């Protein structure tokens, strides 16, 4: 891995921190969310990239029905992750 990878990770985490502070001021959330939000956004980028890679691989290398099943499973996981994020930030977790 070259320095470009680490620069991208640093840029994503910096963006996540800025977004976290912005969300914290808008929602008047507790200050521990400033630490948690960058981790959530970072994992969201990682999972999104992994899901995109898996779905792309599935459509290129498996039959159509298998690709559809994989897409449905990953789609449900993505929706669940988004719902859990909303519940966390609304304080109803």
N, C-alpha and C. Protein backbone atom coordinates (compact mmCIF):
# COMPACT_ATOMS: atom_id res chain seq x y z
N UNK A 1 0.83 -1.17 0.00
CA UNK A 1 0.00 0.00 0.00
C UNK A 1 0.88 1.24 0.00
N UNK A 2 0.57 2.12 -0.90
CA UNK A 2 1.36 3.32 -1.02
C UNK A 2 0.84 4.43 -0.13
N UNK A 3 1.48 5.56 -0.22
CA UNK A 3 1.08 6.69 0.60
C UNK A 3 -0.27 7.25 0.16
N UNK A 4 -0.68 6.96 -1.07
CA UNK A 4 -1.99 7.41 -1.54
C UNK A 4 -3.12 6.79 -0.74
N UNK A 5 -2.95 5.52 -0.37
CA UNK A 5 -3.96 4.84 0.43
C UNK A 5 -4.11 5.51 1.80
N UNK A 6 -2.97 5.76 2.45
CA UNK A 6 -3.02 6.37 3.77
C UNK A 6 -3.52 7.81 3.70
N UNK A 7 -3.23 8.49 2.62
CA UNK A 7 -3.74 9.84 2.43
C UNK A 7 -5.27 9.80 2.27
N UNK A 8 -5.77 8.80 1.54
CA UNK A 8 -7.22 8.66 1.38
C UNK A 8 -7.89 8.34 2.71
N UNK A 9 -7.28 7.45 3.51
CA UNK A 9 -7.84 7.11 4.82
C UNK A 9 -7.85 8.34 5.71
N UNK A 10 -6.77 9.11 5.69
CA UNK A 10 -6.70 10.33 6.48
C UNK A 10 -7.76 11.34 6.03
N UNK A 11 -7.97 11.46 4.73
CA UNK A 11 -8.98 12.38 4.21
C UNK A 11 -10.38 11.95 4.63
N UNK A 12 -10.66 10.64 4.57
CA UNK A 12 -11.98 10.14 4.97
C UNK A 12 -12.21 10.38 6.45
N UNK A 13 -11.21 10.07 7.27
CA UNK A 13 -11.38 10.26 8.71
C UNK A 13 -11.50 11.74 9.06
N UNK A 14 -10.76 12.60 8.39
CA UNK A 14 -10.86 14.04 8.65
C UNK A 14 -12.25 14.56 8.27
N UNK A 15 -12.74 14.11 7.14
CA UNK A 15 -14.09 14.48 6.71
C UNK A 15 -15.12 13.99 7.71
N UNK A 16 -14.92 12.76 8.21
CA UNK A 16 -15.85 12.20 9.18
C UNK A 16 -15.86 13.01 10.47
N UNK A 17 -14.70 13.47 10.90
CA UNK A 17 -14.63 14.28 12.12
C UNK A 17 -15.36 15.61 11.92
N UNK A 18 -15.15 16.24 10.79
CA UNK A 18 -15.83 17.51 10.51
C UNK A 18 -17.33 17.30 10.44
N UNK A 19 -17.77 16.24 9.78
CA UNK A 19 -19.21 15.93 9.70
C UNK A 19 -19.74 15.63 11.10
N UNK A 20 -18.96 14.89 11.89
CA UNK A 20 -19.39 14.56 13.25
C UNK A 20 -19.59 15.79 14.11
N UNK A 21 -18.68 16.73 14.02
CA UNK A 21 -18.82 17.96 14.79
C UNK A 21 -20.04 18.74 14.30
N UNK A 22 -20.23 18.77 12.99
CA UNK A 22 -21.40 19.47 12.43
C UNK A 22 -22.71 18.84 12.87
N UNK A 23 -22.78 17.53 12.83
CA UNK A 23 -23.99 16.83 13.26
C UNK A 23 -24.21 17.05 14.75
N UNK A 24 -23.13 17.04 15.52
CA UNK A 24 -23.25 17.27 16.95
C UNK A 24 -23.82 18.64 17.29
N UNK A 25 -23.38 19.66 16.57
CA UNK A 25 -23.91 21.00 16.82
C UNK A 25 -25.36 21.13 16.38
N UNK A 26 -25.70 20.49 15.26
CA UNK A 26 -27.07 20.60 14.76
C UNK A 26 -28.04 19.84 15.65
N UNK A 27 -27.67 18.62 16.06
CA UNK A 27 -28.58 17.78 16.84
C UNK A 27 -28.43 17.97 18.34
N UNK A 28 -27.47 18.77 18.78
CA UNK A 28 -27.18 18.99 20.20
C UNK A 28 -26.92 17.66 20.91
N UNK A 29 -26.20 16.78 20.23
CA UNK A 29 -25.92 15.46 20.79
C UNK A 29 -24.75 15.54 21.76
N UNK A 30 -24.61 14.51 22.61
CA UNK A 30 -23.50 14.52 23.57
C UNK A 30 -22.14 14.46 22.87
N UNK A 31 -21.11 14.88 23.60
CA UNK A 31 -19.80 14.99 22.98
C UNK A 31 -19.16 13.65 22.65
N UNK A 32 -19.61 12.54 23.24
CA UNK A 32 -19.02 11.25 22.88
C UNK A 32 -19.35 10.85 21.44
N UNK A 33 -20.37 11.47 20.87
CA UNK A 33 -20.68 11.20 19.47
C UNK A 33 -19.60 11.73 18.54
N UNK A 34 -18.80 12.71 19.00
CA UNK A 34 -17.68 13.20 18.19
C UNK A 34 -16.65 12.11 17.96
N UNK A 35 -16.54 11.19 18.89
CA UNK A 35 -15.61 10.08 18.75
C UNK A 35 -16.26 8.93 17.98
N UNK A 36 -17.52 8.70 18.22
CA UNK A 36 -18.21 7.56 17.62
C UNK A 36 -18.53 7.78 16.14
N UNK A 37 -18.94 8.98 15.78
CA UNK A 37 -19.35 9.24 14.40
C UNK A 37 -18.26 8.99 13.37
N UNK A 38 -17.01 9.41 13.58
CA UNK A 38 -15.98 9.08 12.59
C UNK A 38 -15.78 7.57 12.42
N UNK A 39 -15.91 6.83 13.50
CA UNK A 39 -15.79 5.37 13.39
C UNK A 39 -16.94 4.79 12.59
N UNK A 40 -18.13 5.32 12.81
CA UNK A 40 -19.30 4.84 12.08
C UNK A 40 -19.16 5.18 10.59
N UNK A 41 -18.77 6.40 10.29
CA UNK A 41 -18.63 6.80 8.89
C UNK A 41 -17.51 6.03 8.21
N UNK A 42 -16.40 5.83 8.93
CA UNK A 42 -15.31 5.04 8.37
C UNK A 42 -15.73 3.61 8.06
N UNK A 43 -16.47 2.99 8.99
CA UNK A 43 -16.94 1.63 8.72
C UNK A 43 -17.98 1.62 7.62
N UNK A 44 -18.76 2.69 7.50
CA UNK A 44 -19.73 2.77 6.41
C UNK A 44 -19.03 2.79 5.05
N UNK A 45 -17.92 3.54 4.95
CA UNK A 45 -17.15 3.54 3.71
C UNK A 45 -16.54 2.17 3.43
N UNK A 46 -16.03 1.51 4.46
CA UNK A 46 -15.42 0.19 4.27
C UNK A 46 -16.48 -0.82 3.84
N UNK A 47 -17.61 -0.84 4.54
CA UNK A 47 -18.67 -1.78 4.17
C UNK A 47 -19.23 -1.48 2.79
N UNK A 48 -19.39 -0.19 2.47
CA UNK A 48 -19.89 0.17 1.15
C UNK A 48 -18.95 -0.28 0.04
N UNK A 49 -17.65 -0.10 0.25
CA UNK A 49 -16.67 -0.56 -0.74
C UNK A 49 -16.66 -2.07 -0.86
N UNK A 50 -16.74 -2.75 0.28
CA UNK A 50 -16.76 -4.22 0.26
C UNK A 50 -18.03 -4.73 -0.41
N UNK A 51 -19.18 -4.13 -0.08
CA UNK A 51 -20.43 -4.56 -0.70
C UNK A 51 -20.41 -4.33 -2.20
N UNK A 52 -19.88 -3.18 -2.62
CA UNK A 52 -19.79 -2.90 -4.05
C UNK A 52 -18.89 -3.92 -4.75
N UNK A 53 -17.77 -4.23 -4.13
CA UNK A 53 -16.87 -5.24 -4.70
C UNK A 53 -17.50 -6.61 -4.78
N UNK A 54 -18.21 -7.01 -3.74
CA UNK A 54 -18.86 -8.33 -3.74
C UNK A 54 -19.95 -8.39 -4.81
N UNK A 55 -20.76 -7.35 -4.89
CA UNK A 55 -21.84 -7.35 -5.89
C UNK A 55 -21.28 -7.33 -7.31
N UNK A 56 -20.24 -6.54 -7.53
CA UNK A 56 -19.60 -6.52 -8.86
C UNK A 56 -19.04 -7.88 -9.21
N UNK A 57 -18.35 -8.50 -8.27
CA UNK A 57 -17.80 -9.84 -8.50
C UNK A 57 -18.91 -10.84 -8.77
N UNK A 58 -19.99 -10.75 -8.00
CA UNK A 58 -21.09 -11.70 -8.17
C UNK A 58 -21.73 -11.58 -9.55
N UNK A 59 -21.94 -10.38 -10.02
CA UNK A 59 -22.56 -10.21 -11.34
C UNK A 59 -21.63 -10.63 -12.47
N UNK A 60 -20.32 -10.59 -12.24
CA UNK A 60 -19.38 -11.00 -13.29
C UNK A 60 -19.12 -12.50 -13.29
N UNK A 61 -19.22 -13.16 -12.13
CA UNK A 61 -18.76 -14.54 -12.03
C UNK A 61 -19.80 -15.57 -11.62
N UNK A 62 -21.01 -15.18 -11.34
CA UNK A 62 -22.02 -16.16 -10.92
C UNK A 62 -23.25 -16.04 -11.81
N UNK A 63 -24.12 -17.05 -11.76
CA UNK A 63 -25.38 -16.95 -12.53
C UNK A 63 -26.23 -15.78 -12.02
N UNK A 64 -27.17 -15.37 -12.83
CA UNK A 64 -28.00 -14.21 -12.50
C UNK A 64 -28.77 -14.40 -11.21
N UNK A 65 -29.31 -15.60 -10.98
CA UNK A 65 -30.10 -15.81 -9.77
C UNK A 65 -29.24 -15.70 -8.52
N UNK A 66 -28.02 -16.16 -8.57
CA UNK A 66 -27.13 -16.06 -7.41
C UNK A 66 -26.75 -14.60 -7.15
N UNK A 67 -26.51 -13.86 -8.21
CA UNK A 67 -26.20 -12.44 -8.06
C UNK A 67 -27.36 -11.69 -7.44
N UNK A 68 -28.56 -12.04 -7.84
CA UNK A 68 -29.74 -11.39 -7.29
C UNK A 68 -29.90 -11.70 -5.81
N UNK A 69 -29.68 -12.95 -5.42
CA UNK A 69 -29.78 -13.33 -4.02
C UNK A 69 -28.73 -12.60 -3.18
N UNK A 70 -27.51 -12.54 -3.68
CA UNK A 70 -26.44 -11.83 -2.97
C UNK A 70 -26.79 -10.35 -2.84
N UNK A 71 -27.31 -9.74 -3.89
CA UNK A 71 -27.69 -8.33 -3.84
C UNK A 71 -28.80 -8.08 -2.82
N UNK A 72 -29.76 -8.98 -2.76
CA UNK A 72 -30.87 -8.83 -1.80
C UNK A 72 -30.34 -8.93 -0.37
N UNK A 73 -29.48 -9.91 -0.11
CA UNK A 73 -28.93 -10.08 1.23
C UNK A 73 -28.14 -8.84 1.65
N UNK A 74 -27.26 -8.38 0.78
CA UNK A 74 -26.45 -7.21 1.11
C UNK A 74 -27.30 -5.94 1.20
N UNK A 75 -28.34 -5.86 0.41
CA UNK A 75 -29.25 -4.71 0.49
C UNK A 75 -29.96 -4.64 1.82
N UNK A 76 -30.42 -5.78 2.30
CA UNK A 76 -31.08 -5.83 3.61
C UNK A 76 -30.10 -5.47 4.72
N UNK A 77 -28.87 -5.96 4.65
CA UNK A 77 -27.86 -5.59 5.64
C UNK A 77 -27.59 -4.09 5.63
N UNK A 78 -27.54 -3.50 4.45
CA UNK A 78 -27.29 -2.07 4.34
C UNK A 78 -28.44 -1.26 4.95
N UNK A 79 -29.66 -1.66 4.68
CA UNK A 79 -30.82 -0.96 5.25
C UNK A 79 -30.82 -1.10 6.77
N UNK A 80 -30.50 -2.28 7.28
CA UNK A 80 -30.42 -2.47 8.72
C UNK A 80 -29.36 -1.59 9.36
N UNK A 81 -28.23 -1.44 8.69
CA UNK A 81 -27.16 -0.59 9.21
C UNK A 81 -27.61 0.86 9.26
N UNK A 82 -28.28 1.31 8.22
CA UNK A 82 -28.76 2.69 8.19
C UNK A 82 -29.81 2.93 9.27
N UNK A 83 -30.72 1.97 9.46
CA UNK A 83 -31.74 2.10 10.51
C UNK A 83 -31.08 2.16 11.89
N UNK A 84 -30.07 1.33 12.11
CA UNK A 84 -29.40 1.36 13.41
C UNK A 84 -28.69 2.69 13.64
N UNK A 85 -28.12 3.29 12.59
CA UNK A 85 -27.50 4.60 12.73
C UNK A 85 -28.53 5.66 13.10
N UNK A 86 -29.67 5.63 12.46
CA UNK A 86 -30.72 6.60 12.77
C UNK A 86 -31.18 6.43 14.21
N UNK A 87 -31.40 5.19 14.64
CA UNK A 87 -31.83 4.94 16.01
C UNK A 87 -30.78 5.40 17.01
N UNK A 88 -29.51 5.19 16.70
CA UNK A 88 -28.45 5.61 17.60
C UNK A 88 -28.46 7.13 17.79
N UNK A 89 -28.55 7.86 16.71
CA UNK A 89 -28.45 9.30 16.80
C UNK A 89 -29.74 9.95 17.28
N UNK A 90 -30.84 9.24 17.22
CA UNK A 90 -32.09 9.76 17.80
C UNK A 90 -32.14 9.46 19.29
N UNK A 91 -31.24 8.61 19.78
CA UNK A 91 -31.20 8.31 21.20
C UNK A 91 -32.18 7.26 21.65
N UNK A 92 -32.70 6.48 20.70
CA UNK A 92 -33.70 5.46 21.07
C UNK A 92 -33.11 4.06 21.05
N UNK A 93 -31.78 3.96 21.07
CA UNK A 93 -31.17 2.63 21.04
C UNK A 93 -31.22 1.95 22.39
